Amino acid sequence: NIKGGMGKYDIYYASIENDGSVSDPINMGAQINTLDDEVTPFYDPVAGNLYFSSSGHIGIGELDVFKVKGSISEGFEEPENIGYPLNSCADDYYFANTDSNDKGEKLGFLSSNRAGGLSEEGETCCDDIYSFTWRTRPSVLNLGVAGYVYNEETKEPIDDVLVELLLAEYDSLKGSQKISAGQKFFFDLKQDNNYYLKASKNNYVPTKVSVSTYDKVTHDTVQADIYMKEIILPPVYYGFSKKDVMKSSYDALENLINVMKEYPSMAVQISSHTDNVGSDDFNMKLSQKRANAVKSHLIKNNVDASRIVEQYYGESAPVAQNALADGSDNPEGRQQNRRSEFNMLTSVESIIVDRVIRSEDGTTKIMATKIILPIVYFGFDRFDLTPVAKEKLEEMMAVVNQYPGSIIEVNAHTDSQGSSEYNQKLSKKRAESVMEYFNEKGLRDDVIQGSWEGEENPLKSNESIEGRAKNRRAEFRLMKNGKLISVSGEKIEAEEVIEGEDFLEEEEVD
C-alpha cells in the first residue's frame, strides 16, 4: 500500500538478477490492481498462471482468489475468479499449489475465515488453513469404453449381441455394435458425461452398465465387461391330438408367466408343434390351436397380448424321430414332438419367422431369417414426431447400424382428407421430419433417401377413422448393395441356402 499505488493494497513485481540483487518494485497496473485490495500473489511457472486474492474484482465474498494467465514479458489476460468451492462468502487468500503428480493432480493450500472454522471466538472470526486437490487435465481428453459380453453363469463369451451406448441424461442413442463371441466392443466417449451401455440378445435379460467420464483427468479407455443372465425356458407338452397342456407341464407354464412379469420390456415367441400322425393340414391347425391356448392362458394371467406372438409348424420341425429305424412307432419320440417352445425376445420388433432346415436323420433346425422395421404414424394434419414414433426410430437406428454401408429409405403417406396437392406437400414434410431426426441422431445424408406419395397409396380404406389413422404413416426399407434387407411390417426371406439341405417355407402369421 505504498504511495503511488492504484488502490489500497496493490501487487508489485521485481526482477532478481544473477548476482542476487533485486530491482525496484513495479506496479502490475490496472489489469491486476483495482481501487480495493489485491494481495497474496502466487505464480505457477509450469502452468503460466498468476494467482492472487482481490476484494476489487467481482467475486463471491470479500477476498476471492483469482487466476490470470500470462507472464511479465508477454503480458497477462483478464483475471478469472476460480469459483466455488475454493472461494467462499468470506475471505480466501494465500493460495498456493504444488507441481502435478502422475495423475494430473496438484495439492493446494489457502487461508480462509469461512464458516466451519475451528476458532471458538466466532464462526468467521479467524483464518484457518485449508488443503485441496486440484485436478488438471488436457482441454480435450481422448476417452472411450471397451469390453466383452459374457454369460453370467458360464463366464463364456456370448455370440450375436447388440451393444448400445446411450447418454444417461436423455436416454439418447450414441452408438451401437453387433458383436460376435469374443469380439471386443468399443465406443468413443466425451468428457463430463454419464453414459450407460445396454446389451440385448434374445433369451437373455437386457443388461445395463453405467459409465461416467466426470472423474477423468487423463486420456483413458474404461474397461466395462458386461455379464448377461440367460433365460432358459423349458417347453410344455401335449397329449395325443390335444391342444391343452399336460398337467406335467403346468410348472413350466407357471415359470413362463413369472418370467414375463419379471421382465416387462421383453416379448415371448410361442412356437408350437405336433407329431406326424394325421394330415399336414390337420397338424398345422392343431399346432395353431396349441399356440393360441398358451397365448390365452398368458393373457388371463395379465400378460399383455402385444407382448406375445405365435408361430406354428405342424409336424415340420420334429426334435425326435416319430418312428424307429425299422419303421415301427416311436411313442417317446412323438411325445417329445408334441410341444410348444418359448423364446424370450428383446422386443416385439425382434420376432422372427423361420426357415426349417431338415437333416438327414429327420430332425430339424429352425433358422431365424426375418427382420421387421416398424411403421411410424402421424396425427391428423400433423408432421411432427410423437414420442412413440421417436422410440421406433431409435430402434431402427440400431438395425441400420448393424449393416454398415446400408441405405434407409423413408416413404411417407397421408389419408385422403384434403386436396391431393395439399396431401402431397404434407407427406413431404412427414418424410423430412423423419430424415431430420435421423440426421440429429448421427446418420449422414448419403445413407437416407426420402420419398412421399401423398394419398396415392393407402394401406387401409379411408372410409373409416381407423383406416385413415393407419394411412397417416411413414414406412421404411433397408437396402444394401442393391439388395433388400428389411421392410416395414413385411417378411424378408433369408437368401443363404445350405447346400444339400431341404428348406420348408413357413407362412407369416398376423
Protein backbone atom coordinates (compact mmCIF):
# COMPACT_ATOMS: atom_id res chain seq x y z
CA ASN A 1 0.00 0.00 0.00
CA ILE A 2 2.95 2.31 -0.70
CA LYS A 3 2.29 5.78 -2.01
CA GLY A 4 1.60 5.94 -5.73
CA GLY A 5 -0.39 2.72 -5.90
CA MET A 6 -3.73 2.25 -7.63
CA GLY A 7 -5.81 1.36 -4.60
CA LYS A 8 -5.32 0.07 -1.09
CA TYR A 9 -3.03 -2.97 -1.29
CA ASP A 10 -1.58 -3.47 -4.80
CA ILE A 11 0.50 -6.27 -6.30
CA TYR A 12 4.02 -5.40 -7.49
CA TYR A 13 6.74 -7.39 -9.21
CA ALA A 14 10.54 -7.13 -9.16
CA SER A 15 13.40 -8.80 -11.02
CA ILE A 16 16.05 -10.85 -9.21
CA GLU A 17 19.35 -10.56 -11.03
CA ASN A 18 22.04 -13.25 -11.32
CA ASP A 19 24.13 -11.55 -8.65
CA GLY A 20 21.21 -11.70 -6.24
CA SER A 21 20.31 -8.03 -6.46
CA VAL A 22 16.64 -7.06 -6.69
CA SER A 23 15.19 -4.34 -8.90
CA ASP A 24 12.78 -1.69 -7.70
CA PRO A 25 9.18 -3.00 -7.42
CA ILE A 26 6.89 -2.18 -10.35
CA ASN A 27 3.10 -1.92 -10.01
CA MET A 28 1.35 -4.55 -12.15
CA GLY A 29 -1.17 -1.99 -13.34
CA ALA A 30 -4.91 -1.81 -13.86
CA GLN A 31 -5.06 -5.27 -15.45
CA ILE A 32 -4.46 -6.74 -11.98
CA ASN A 33 -4.92 -3.98 -9.40
CA THR A 34 -8.15 -2.14 -8.50
CA LEU A 35 -9.19 0.62 -6.10
CA ASP A 36 -9.55 -2.04 -3.38
CA ASP A 37 -7.17 -4.75 -2.14
CA GLU A 38 -5.10 -7.20 -4.23
CA VAL A 39 -2.91 -9.42 -2.03
CA THR A 40 -1.01 -12.73 -1.64
CA PRO A 41 0.25 -13.34 -5.19
CA PHE A 42 1.44 -16.83 -6.20
CA TYR A 43 2.89 -17.62 -9.64
CA ASP A 44 2.78 -21.14 -11.12
CA PRO A 45 5.58 -21.13 -13.74
CA VAL A 46 4.63 -24.53 -15.17
CA ALA A 47 1.04 -23.57 -15.98
CA GLY A 48 1.91 -19.89 -16.53
CA ASN A 49 -0.80 -18.72 -14.12
CA LEU A 50 -0.68 -15.92 -11.55
CA TYR A 51 -3.00 -16.44 -8.57
CA PHE A 52 -3.91 -13.59 -6.22
CA SER A 53 -6.75 -12.53 -3.93
CA SER A 54 -8.84 -9.43 -4.54
CA SER A 55 -11.73 -7.54 -3.00
CA GLY A 56 -11.96 -5.23 -6.01
CA HIS A 57 -12.67 -7.67 -8.83
CA ILE A 58 -16.19 -9.11 -8.92
CA GLY A 59 -16.29 -12.14 -6.65
CA ILE A 60 -18.31 -14.37 -4.36
CA GLY A 61 -17.24 -12.98 -0.97
CA GLU A 62 -14.85 -10.42 0.46
CA LEU A 63 -11.40 -11.52 -0.72
CA ASP A 64 -11.63 -14.08 -3.55
CA VAL A 65 -8.85 -15.97 -5.32
CA PHE A 66 -8.40 -15.05 -8.99
CA LYS A 67 -6.32 -16.59 -11.75
CA VAL A 68 -4.75 -14.74 -14.66
CA LYS A 69 -2.73 -16.42 -17.40
CA GLY A 70 0.40 -14.82 -18.81
CA SER A 71 3.85 -13.54 -17.90
CA ILE A 72 5.70 -10.29 -17.23
CA SER A 73 7.36 -10.37 -20.66
CA GLU A 74 4.25 -11.23 -22.70
CA GLY A 75 1.53 -9.63 -20.60
CA PHE A 76 -1.49 -11.07 -18.83
CA GLU A 77 -5.05 -11.93 -19.84
CA GLU A 78 -8.18 -10.84 -17.95
CA PRO A 79 -8.40 -12.14 -14.35
CA GLU A 80 -10.78 -15.08 -13.80
CA ASN A 81 -12.46 -15.96 -10.50
CA ILE A 82 -11.55 -19.59 -9.71
CA GLY A 83 -15.03 -20.06 -8.23
CA TYR A 84 -16.65 -22.25 -5.61
CA PRO A 85 -15.66 -24.29 -3.58
CA LEU A 86 -12.21 -22.70 -3.30
CA ASN A 87 -13.83 -19.28 -2.91
CA SER A 88 -16.46 -18.67 -0.25
CA CYS A 89 -18.61 -15.84 1.09
CA ALA A 90 -15.76 -14.84 3.45
CA ASP A 91 -12.05 -14.09 2.86
CA ASP A 92 -9.98 -16.57 0.83
CA TYR A 93 -6.29 -15.83 0.26
CA TYR A 94 -2.69 -17.12 0.43
CA PHE A 95 -3.48 -19.54 -2.40
CA ALA A 96 -0.60 -21.87 -3.38
CA ASN A 97 -0.31 -25.23 -5.14
CA THR A 98 2.34 -27.90 -5.78
CA ASP A 99 3.52 -29.48 -9.04
CA SER A 100 1.21 -32.06 -10.65
CA ASN A 101 1.61 -35.72 -9.73
CA ASP A 102 1.35 -38.60 -12.23
CA LYS A 103 -2.46 -38.44 -12.03
CA GLY A 104 -2.56 -34.82 -13.13
CA GLU A 105 -3.39 -33.65 -9.58
CA LYS A 106 -1.98 -30.71 -7.64
CA LEU A 107 -2.10 -30.40 -3.86
CA GLY A 108 -3.02 -26.86 -2.88
CA PHE A 109 -3.48 -24.67 0.19
CA LEU A 110 -5.27 -21.46 1.10
CA SER A 111 -6.28 -19.50 4.19
CA SER A 112 -9.91 -18.60 4.87
CA ASN A 113 -12.22 -17.42 7.62
CA ARG A 114 -15.17 -19.21 6.00
CA ALA A 115 -17.94 -20.75 8.10
CA GLY A 116 -16.95 -24.02 9.72
CA GLY A 117 -13.59 -22.90 11.07
CA LEU A 118 -12.16 -24.25 14.32
CA SER A 119 -11.99 -20.99 16.31
CA GLU A 120 -14.26 -20.73 19.36
CA GLU A 121 -14.43 -16.93 19.10
CA GLY A 122 -16.93 -16.94 16.26
CA GLU A 123 -17.87 -18.72 13.05
CA THR A 124 -15.93 -16.34 10.76
CA CYS A 125 -13.68 -14.53 13.18
CA CYS A 126 -10.38 -16.13 12.31
CA ASP A 127 -8.42 -17.66 9.47
CA ASP A 128 -7.79 -21.40 9.14
CA ILE A 129 -5.53 -23.18 6.64
CA TYR A 130 -7.29 -25.49 4.17
CA SER A 131 -5.86 -28.01 1.74
CA PHE A 132 -7.40 -29.20 -1.52
CA THR A 133 -6.67 -31.40 -4.52
CA TRP A 134 -6.57 -29.50 -7.79
CA ARG A 135 -7.17 -31.80 -10.76
CA THR A 136 -5.75 -30.66 -14.05
CA ARG A 137 -6.34 -32.28 -17.42
CA PRO A 138 -5.93 -31.62 -21.13
CA SER A 139 -8.56 -29.37 -22.70
CA VAL A 140 -9.76 -32.34 -24.78
CA LEU A 141 -9.49 -35.88 -23.44
CA ASN A 142 -9.36 -38.98 -25.61
CA LEU A 143 -11.87 -41.19 -23.80
CA GLY A 144 -13.51 -44.47 -24.67
CA VAL A 145 -15.16 -47.56 -23.26
CA ALA A 146 -14.39 -51.13 -24.28
CA GLY A 147 -15.26 -54.60 -23.12
CA TYR A 148 -16.62 -58.05 -23.81
CA VAL A 149 -20.02 -59.64 -23.21
CA TYR A 150 -20.16 -62.84 -21.15
CA ASN A 151 -22.74 -65.34 -19.96
CA GLU A 152 -23.22 -64.55 -16.28
CA GLU A 153 -23.38 -68.23 -15.28
CA THR A 154 -20.77 -69.89 -17.52
CA LYS A 155 -18.50 -66.84 -17.96
CA GLU A 156 -18.24 -67.81 -21.64
CA PRO A 157 -18.39 -65.10 -24.36
CA ILE A 158 -21.85 -64.61 -25.90
CA ASP A 159 -22.37 -64.50 -29.66
CA ASP A 160 -24.53 -62.11 -31.69
CA VAL A 161 -25.14 -59.44 -29.01
CA LEU A 162 -26.32 -55.90 -29.70
CA VAL A 163 -24.39 -53.43 -27.53
CA GLU A 164 -25.65 -49.84 -27.43
CA LEU A 165 -24.16 -46.71 -25.87
CA LEU A 166 -26.70 -44.21 -24.54
CA LEU A 167 -26.36 -40.80 -22.91
CA ALA A 168 -27.94 -41.28 -19.48
CA GLU A 169 -29.47 -37.82 -19.14
CA TYR A 170 -31.66 -38.12 -22.25
CA ASP A 171 -31.56 -41.88 -22.96
CA SER A 172 -30.31 -40.86 -26.41
CA LEU A 173 -28.52 -43.44 -28.54
CA LYS A 174 -24.88 -42.54 -29.28
CA GLY A 175 -23.77 -45.73 -30.98
CA SER A 176 -24.44 -49.44 -31.40
CA GLN A 177 -22.45 -52.50 -32.40
CA LYS A 178 -23.42 -56.11 -33.13
CA ILE A 179 -20.61 -58.26 -31.77
CA SER A 180 -19.76 -61.93 -32.09
CA ALA A 181 -18.44 -64.21 -29.35
CA GLY A 182 -15.08 -63.00 -28.07
CA GLN A 183 -15.25 -59.74 -30.03
CA LYS A 184 -14.49 -56.55 -28.10
CA PHE A 185 -16.87 -53.59 -28.38
CA PHE A 186 -15.55 -50.02 -28.31
CA PHE A 187 -17.21 -46.59 -28.21
CA ASP A 188 -15.75 -43.09 -28.06
CA LEU A 189 -16.84 -41.02 -25.05
CA LYS A 190 -16.90 -37.30 -24.33
CA GLN A 191 -15.70 -35.84 -21.06
CA ASP A 192 -18.09 -34.76 -18.30
CA ASN A 193 -20.95 -37.07 -19.25
CA ASN A 194 -22.81 -40.00 -17.74
CA TYR A 195 -23.49 -42.90 -20.10
CA TYR A 196 -24.78 -46.43 -19.90
CA LEU A 197 -24.13 -49.49 -22.01
CA LYS A 198 -27.10 -51.70 -22.90
CA ALA A 199 -26.61 -55.28 -24.09
CA SER A 200 -29.52 -57.07 -25.77
CA LYS A 201 -29.95 -60.59 -27.09
CA ASN A 202 -32.94 -62.89 -27.37
CA ASN A 203 -33.22 -65.30 -24.42
CA TYR A 204 -31.02 -63.06 -22.25
CA VAL A 205 -32.03 -60.38 -19.76
CA PRO A 206 -31.29 -56.90 -21.22
CA THR A 207 -28.35 -55.63 -19.17
CA LYS A 208 -27.16 -52.09 -18.43
CA VAL A 209 -23.75 -50.93 -17.18
CA SER A 210 -23.15 -47.32 -16.11
CA VAL A 211 -20.08 -45.41 -17.33
CA SER A 212 -19.09 -41.88 -16.26
CA THR A 213 -16.39 -39.54 -17.53
CA TYR A 214 -16.84 -36.85 -14.88
CA ASP A 215 -13.85 -38.06 -12.85
CA LYS A 216 -11.47 -38.39 -15.81
CA VAL A 217 -8.41 -36.13 -15.82
CA THR A 218 -6.22 -38.06 -18.27
CA HIS A 219 -6.74 -39.91 -21.54
CA ASP A 220 -8.39 -43.23 -20.72
CA THR A 221 -10.31 -46.21 -22.08
CA VAL A 222 -12.71 -47.59 -19.47
CA GLN A 223 -12.92 -51.39 -19.30
CA ALA A 224 -16.59 -52.31 -18.84
CA ASP A 225 -17.31 -56.00 -19.38
CA ILE A 226 -20.99 -56.95 -19.44
CA TYR A 227 -22.38 -60.12 -17.86
CA MET A 228 -25.81 -61.22 -19.10
CA LYS A 229 -28.23 -63.61 -17.43
CA GLU A 230 -29.51 -66.32 -19.76
CA ILE A 231 -33.23 -67.11 -19.68
CA ILE A 232 -33.83 -70.84 -20.13
CA LEU A 233 -37.48 -71.79 -20.56
CA PRO A 234 -38.43 -75.48 -20.70
CA PRO A 235 -41.03 -76.49 -23.31
CA VAL A 236 -44.55 -77.62 -22.48
CA TYR A 237 -46.01 -80.87 -23.81
CA TYR A 238 -49.40 -82.12 -25.02
CA GLY A 239 -51.32 -85.34 -25.13
CA PHE A 240 -52.08 -87.01 -28.46
CA SER A 241 -54.28 -84.73 -30.61
CA LYS A 242 -54.81 -82.38 -27.63
CA LYS A 243 -54.49 -78.60 -27.58
CA ASP A 244 -54.33 -78.26 -23.80
CA VAL A 245 -51.05 -78.51 -21.93
CA MET A 246 -50.40 -81.71 -19.98
CA LYS A 247 -50.53 -81.43 -16.18
CA SER A 248 -46.87 -82.41 -16.02
CA SER A 249 -46.07 -79.13 -17.84
CA TYR A 250 -48.03 -76.81 -15.54
CA ASP A 251 -44.87 -75.81 -13.65
CA ALA A 252 -43.14 -74.86 -16.91
CA LEU A 253 -46.13 -72.72 -17.90
CA GLU A 254 -46.18 -71.02 -14.50
CA ASN A 255 -42.46 -70.34 -14.84
CA LEU A 256 -43.09 -68.63 -18.19
CA ILE A 257 -45.73 -66.37 -16.61
CA ASN A 258 -43.33 -65.38 -13.83
CA VAL A 259 -40.56 -64.58 -16.32
CA MET A 260 -42.92 -62.41 -18.40
CA LYS A 261 -43.88 -60.45 -15.29
CA GLU A 262 -40.27 -60.11 -14.12
CA TYR A 263 -39.08 -58.67 -17.45
CA PRO A 264 -41.93 -56.47 -18.73
CA SER A 265 -39.86 -54.97 -21.56
CA MET A 266 -39.45 -58.36 -23.24
CA ALA A 267 -41.78 -60.30 -25.53
CA VAL A 268 -42.27 -64.03 -25.99
CA GLN A 269 -42.43 -66.10 -29.14
CA ILE A 270 -44.51 -69.28 -28.83
CA SER A 271 -43.51 -71.97 -31.34
CA SER A 272 -45.93 -74.92 -31.34
CA HIS A 273 -45.53 -78.36 -32.95
CA THR A 274 -47.16 -81.76 -33.42
CA ASP A 275 -46.06 -85.30 -34.17
CA ASN A 276 -46.64 -86.74 -37.66
CA VAL A 277 -49.88 -88.62 -37.02
CA GLY A 278 -52.62 -87.11 -39.18
CA SER A 279 -52.57 -84.96 -42.31
CA ASP A 280 -50.29 -81.96 -42.76
CA ASP A 281 -53.30 -79.64 -42.77
CA PHE A 282 -54.74 -81.14 -39.58
CA ASN A 283 -51.41 -80.92 -37.76
CA MET A 284 -50.83 -77.32 -38.84
CA LYS A 285 -54.24 -76.35 -37.43
CA LEU A 286 -53.59 -78.36 -34.26
CA SER A 287 -50.26 -76.60 -33.66
CA GLN A 288 -52.06 -73.27 -34.16
CA LYS A 289 -54.63 -74.24 -31.53
CA ARG A 290 -51.83 -75.16 -29.13
CA ALA A 291 -50.12 -71.79 -29.61
CA ASN A 292 -53.45 -69.97 -29.20
CA ALA A 293 -54.20 -71.89 -25.99
CA VAL A 294 -50.87 -70.87 -24.44
CA LYS A 295 -51.39 -67.27 -25.53
CA SER A 296 -54.88 -67.20 -23.99
CA HIS A 297 -53.51 -68.58 -20.73
CA LEU A 298 -50.83 -65.86 -20.61
CA ILE A 299 -53.41 -63.14 -21.26
CA LYS A 300 -55.63 -64.49 -18.47
CA ASN A 301 -52.61 -64.13 -16.19
CA ASN A 302 -52.22 -60.42 -17.03
CA VAL A 303 -49.57 -60.69 -19.76
CA ASP A 304 -50.37 -58.07 -22.40
CA ALA A 305 -51.29 -59.56 -25.78
CA SER A 306 -48.96 -57.12 -27.57
CA ARG A 307 -46.01 -58.98 -25.99
CA ILE A 308 -47.00 -62.37 -27.41
CA VAL A 309 -46.50 -63.76 -30.90
CA GLU A 310 -47.42 -67.25 -32.01
CA GLN A 311 -45.69 -69.42 -34.57
CA TYR A 312 -46.93 -72.89 -35.52
CA TYR A 313 -45.16 -75.52 -37.54
CA GLY A 314 -47.42 -78.56 -37.56
CA GLU A 315 -45.29 -81.70 -37.95
CA SER A 316 -42.50 -79.97 -39.94
CA ALA A 317 -40.00 -79.44 -37.10
CA PRO A 318 -39.59 -82.61 -35.00
CA VAL A 319 -36.90 -82.78 -32.34
CA ALA A 320 -37.06 -86.59 -32.20
CA GLN A 321 -37.82 -89.48 -34.56
CA ASN A 322 -41.54 -90.22 -34.92
CA ALA A 323 -40.68 -93.78 -35.98
CA LEU A 324 -37.83 -96.15 -35.21
CA ALA A 325 -35.27 -97.28 -37.78
CA ASP A 326 -37.28 -100.44 -38.52
CA GLY A 327 -40.38 -98.35 -39.29
CA SER A 328 -42.21 -99.15 -36.07
CA ASP A 329 -43.88 -96.47 -33.97
CA ASN A 330 -41.79 -94.43 -31.52
CA PRO A 331 -44.24 -93.16 -28.84
CA GLU A 332 -41.48 -91.48 -26.81
CA GLY A 333 -40.27 -89.54 -29.84
CA ARG A 334 -43.78 -88.46 -30.83
CA GLN A 335 -44.38 -87.23 -27.26
CA GLN A 336 -41.27 -85.04 -27.46
CA ASN A 337 -42.54 -83.56 -30.72
CA ARG A 338 -45.95 -82.60 -29.28
CA ARG A 339 -44.66 -79.41 -27.70
CA SER A 340 -44.58 -75.62 -27.51
CA GLU A 341 -41.20 -73.92 -27.18
CA PHE A 342 -40.55 -70.39 -25.95
CA ASN A 343 -38.06 -67.72 -26.88
CA MET A 344 -37.79 -64.52 -24.85
CA LEU A 345 -37.27 -61.61 -27.22
CA THR A 346 -35.68 -58.23 -26.58
CA SER A 347 -38.76 -56.57 -28.12
CA VAL A 348 -41.75 -57.37 -30.28
CA GLU A 349 -39.80 -55.97 -33.26
CA SER A 350 -37.25 -58.78 -32.90
CA ILE A 351 -39.83 -61.52 -33.52
CA ILE A 352 -38.81 -63.74 -36.39
CA VAL A 353 -40.42 -66.03 -38.93
CA ASP A 354 -38.27 -69.04 -39.59
CA ARG A 355 -37.00 -71.46 -42.17
CA VAL A 356 -36.89 -75.09 -41.18
CA ILE A 357 -33.71 -76.99 -42.05
CA ARG A 358 -34.29 -80.74 -42.19
CA SER A 359 -31.31 -83.00 -41.53
CA GLU A 360 -30.76 -86.48 -42.94
CA ASP A 361 -31.91 -88.20 -39.75
CA GLY A 362 -35.29 -86.47 -39.96
CA THR A 363 -34.73 -83.92 -37.20
CA THR A 364 -34.87 -80.23 -37.99
CA LYS A 365 -33.30 -76.94 -37.01
CA ILE A 366 -35.20 -73.65 -37.03
CA MET A 367 -33.27 -70.78 -38.59
CA ALA A 368 -34.20 -67.15 -37.82
CA THR A 369 -34.42 -65.13 -41.02
CA LYS A 370 -36.66 -62.13 -40.50
CA ILE A 371 -36.08 -58.50 -39.60
CA ILE A 372 -39.14 -56.27 -39.26
CA LEU A 373 -38.92 -52.49 -39.42
CA PRO A 374 -41.70 -50.58 -37.68
CA ILE A 375 -44.21 -48.17 -39.23
CA VAL A 376 -44.29 -44.62 -37.83
CA TYR A 377 -47.72 -42.96 -37.56
CA PHE A 378 -48.71 -39.26 -37.52
CA GLY A 379 -51.60 -37.28 -36.10
CA PHE A 380 -54.28 -35.75 -38.33
CA ASP A 381 -52.77 -32.95 -40.44
CA ARG A 382 -49.50 -33.24 -38.45
CA PHE A 383 -45.92 -33.91 -39.49
CA ASP A 384 -44.20 -33.71 -36.08
CA LEU A 385 -42.95 -36.93 -34.48
CA THR A 386 -44.78 -38.33 -31.46
CA PRO A 387 -42.79 -39.81 -28.52
CA VAL A 388 -43.82 -43.30 -29.69
CA ALA A 389 -42.58 -42.51 -33.20
CA LYS A 390 -39.22 -41.37 -31.83
CA GLU A 391 -38.86 -44.61 -29.86
CA LYS A 392 -39.45 -46.61 -33.04
CA LEU A 393 -36.89 -44.54 -34.94
CA GLU A 394 -34.36 -45.12 -32.13
CA GLU A 395 -34.90 -48.88 -32.51
CA MET A 396 -34.50 -48.57 -36.26
CA MET A 397 -31.16 -46.79 -35.79
CA ALA A 398 -29.83 -49.90 -34.05
CA VAL A 399 -30.86 -52.04 -37.05
CA VAL A 400 -29.25 -49.64 -39.55
CA ASN A 401 -26.01 -49.61 -37.55
CA GLN A 402 -25.84 -53.41 -37.81
CA TYR A 403 -25.47 -53.10 -41.60
CA PRO A 404 -22.59 -50.71 -42.45
CA GLY A 405 -22.96 -49.36 -45.97
CA SER A 406 -26.73 -49.78 -45.99
CA ILE A 407 -29.31 -47.22 -47.15
CA ILE A 408 -32.52 -46.45 -45.25
CA GLU A 409 -35.41 -45.43 -47.50
CA VAL A 410 -38.22 -43.34 -46.00
CA ASN A 411 -41.61 -43.30 -47.74
CA ALA A 412 -44.33 -41.04 -46.26
CA HIS A 413 -48.11 -41.02 -46.81
CA THR A 414 -51.34 -39.26 -45.82
CA ASP A 415 -55.01 -40.12 -45.61
CA SER A 416 -57.50 -38.77 -48.18
CA GLN A 417 -58.67 -35.74 -46.19
CA GLY A 418 -57.83 -32.53 -48.07
CA SER A 419 -56.77 -31.90 -51.66
CA SER A 420 -54.32 -34.14 -53.48
CA GLU A 421 -51.87 -31.24 -53.84
CA TYR A 422 -52.02 -30.43 -50.11
CA ASN A 423 -51.52 -34.07 -49.12
CA GLN A 424 -48.50 -34.36 -51.39
CA LYS A 425 -46.87 -31.44 -49.56
CA LEU A 426 -47.88 -32.86 -46.15
CA SER A 427 -46.35 -36.25 -46.91
CA LYS A 428 -43.14 -34.50 -47.96
CA LYS A 429 -43.00 -32.70 -44.60
CA ARG A 430 -43.51 -36.04 -42.82
CA ALA A 431 -40.63 -37.63 -44.72
CA GLU A 432 -38.43 -34.62 -43.96
CA SER A 433 -39.28 -34.83 -40.22
CA VAL A 434 -38.09 -38.44 -40.14
CA MET A 435 -34.93 -37.69 -42.13
CA GLU A 436 -34.08 -34.71 -39.91
CA TYR A 437 -34.47 -36.91 -36.83
CA PHE A 438 -32.10 -39.48 -38.32
CA ASN A 439 -29.63 -36.66 -39.05
CA GLU A 440 -29.81 -35.45 -35.45
CA LYS A 441 -29.02 -38.97 -34.26
CA GLY A 442 -25.89 -39.20 -36.39
CA LEU A 443 -26.97 -40.72 -39.73
CA ARG A 444 -25.36 -39.00 -42.70
CA ASP A 445 -27.44 -37.54 -45.53
CA ASP A 446 -26.00 -40.03 -48.02
CA VAL A 447 -27.45 -43.05 -46.17
CA ILE A 448 -31.01 -41.64 -46.03
CA GLN A 449 -33.33 -41.44 -49.03
CA GLY A 450 -36.78 -39.88 -48.82
CA SER A 451 -39.92 -40.14 -50.95
CA TRP A 452 -43.55 -39.12 -50.47
CA GLU A 453 -46.78 -40.23 -52.12
CA GLY A 454 -49.49 -38.12 -50.54
CA GLU A 455 -52.79 -40.03 -50.51
CA GLU A 456 -51.96 -42.21 -53.52
CA ASN A 457 -51.01 -45.42 -51.73
CA PRO A 458 -53.37 -46.11 -48.79
CA LEU A 459 -52.66 -49.04 -46.50
CA LYS A 460 -56.29 -49.27 -45.36
CA SER A 461 -59.64 -47.91 -46.52
CA ASN A 462 -60.08 -44.16 -45.96
CA GLU A 463 -63.79 -44.71 -45.27
CA SER A 464 -63.20 -45.27 -41.54
CA ILE A 465 -61.42 -43.28 -38.83
CA GLU A 466 -59.25 -46.30 -38.04
CA GLY A 467 -58.29 -46.75 -41.68
CA ARG A 468 -57.31 -43.10 -42.12
CA ALA A 469 -55.16 -43.30 -38.96
CA LYS A 470 -53.26 -46.26 -40.46
CA ASN A 471 -52.68 -44.33 -43.69
CA ARG A 472 -51.02 -41.35 -41.96
CA ARG A 473 -47.66 -43.10 -41.84
CA ALA A 474 -44.03 -43.39 -42.84
CA GLU A 475 -42.69 -46.76 -43.97
CA PHE A 476 -39.11 -47.89 -44.40
CA ARG A 477 -36.90 -50.13 -46.49
CA LEU A 478 -33.32 -51.09 -45.59
CA MET A 479 -31.14 -51.72 -48.65
CA LYS A 480 -27.52 -52.80 -49.06
CA ASN A 481 -25.68 -53.25 -52.35
CA GLY A 482 -29.00 -53.16 -54.17
CA LYS A 483 -30.49 -55.98 -52.08
CA LEU A 484 -33.48 -55.63 -49.79
CA ILE A 485 -32.57 -56.40 -46.17
CA SER A 486 -35.76 -55.37 -44.41
CA VAL A 487 -39.02 -53.51 -44.89
CA SER A 488 -41.73 -52.15 -42.60
CA GLY A 489 -44.11 -54.86 -41.44
CA GLU A 490 -43.19 -57.50 -44.02
CA LYS A 491 -41.37 -60.81 -44.06
CA ILE A 492 -37.88 -60.94 -45.56
CA GLU A 493 -36.69 -64.36 -46.63
CA ALA A 494 -33.06 -65.28 -45.97
CA GLU A 495 -31.07 -65.70 -49.17
CA GLU A 496 -28.49 -68.05 -47.67
CA VAL A 497 -29.15 -71.71 -48.53
CA ILE A 498 -27.10 -74.55 -47.11
CA GLU A 499 -26.19 -76.84 -49.97
CA GLY A 500 -27.83 -80.24 -49.96
CA GLU A 501 -30.46 -79.44 -47.31
CA ASP A 502 -34.19 -79.14 -47.80
CA PHE A 503 -35.88 -75.86 -46.77
CA LEU A 504 -39.56 -75.70 -45.88
CA GLU A 505 -41.13 -72.24 -46.10
CA GLU A 506 -43.27 -71.12 -43.20
CA GLU A 507 -46.09 -68.68 -43.84
CA GLU A 508 -46.13 -65.41 -41.93
CA VAL A 509 -48.87 -65.23 -39.32
CA ASP A 510 -50.62 -61.96 -38.48
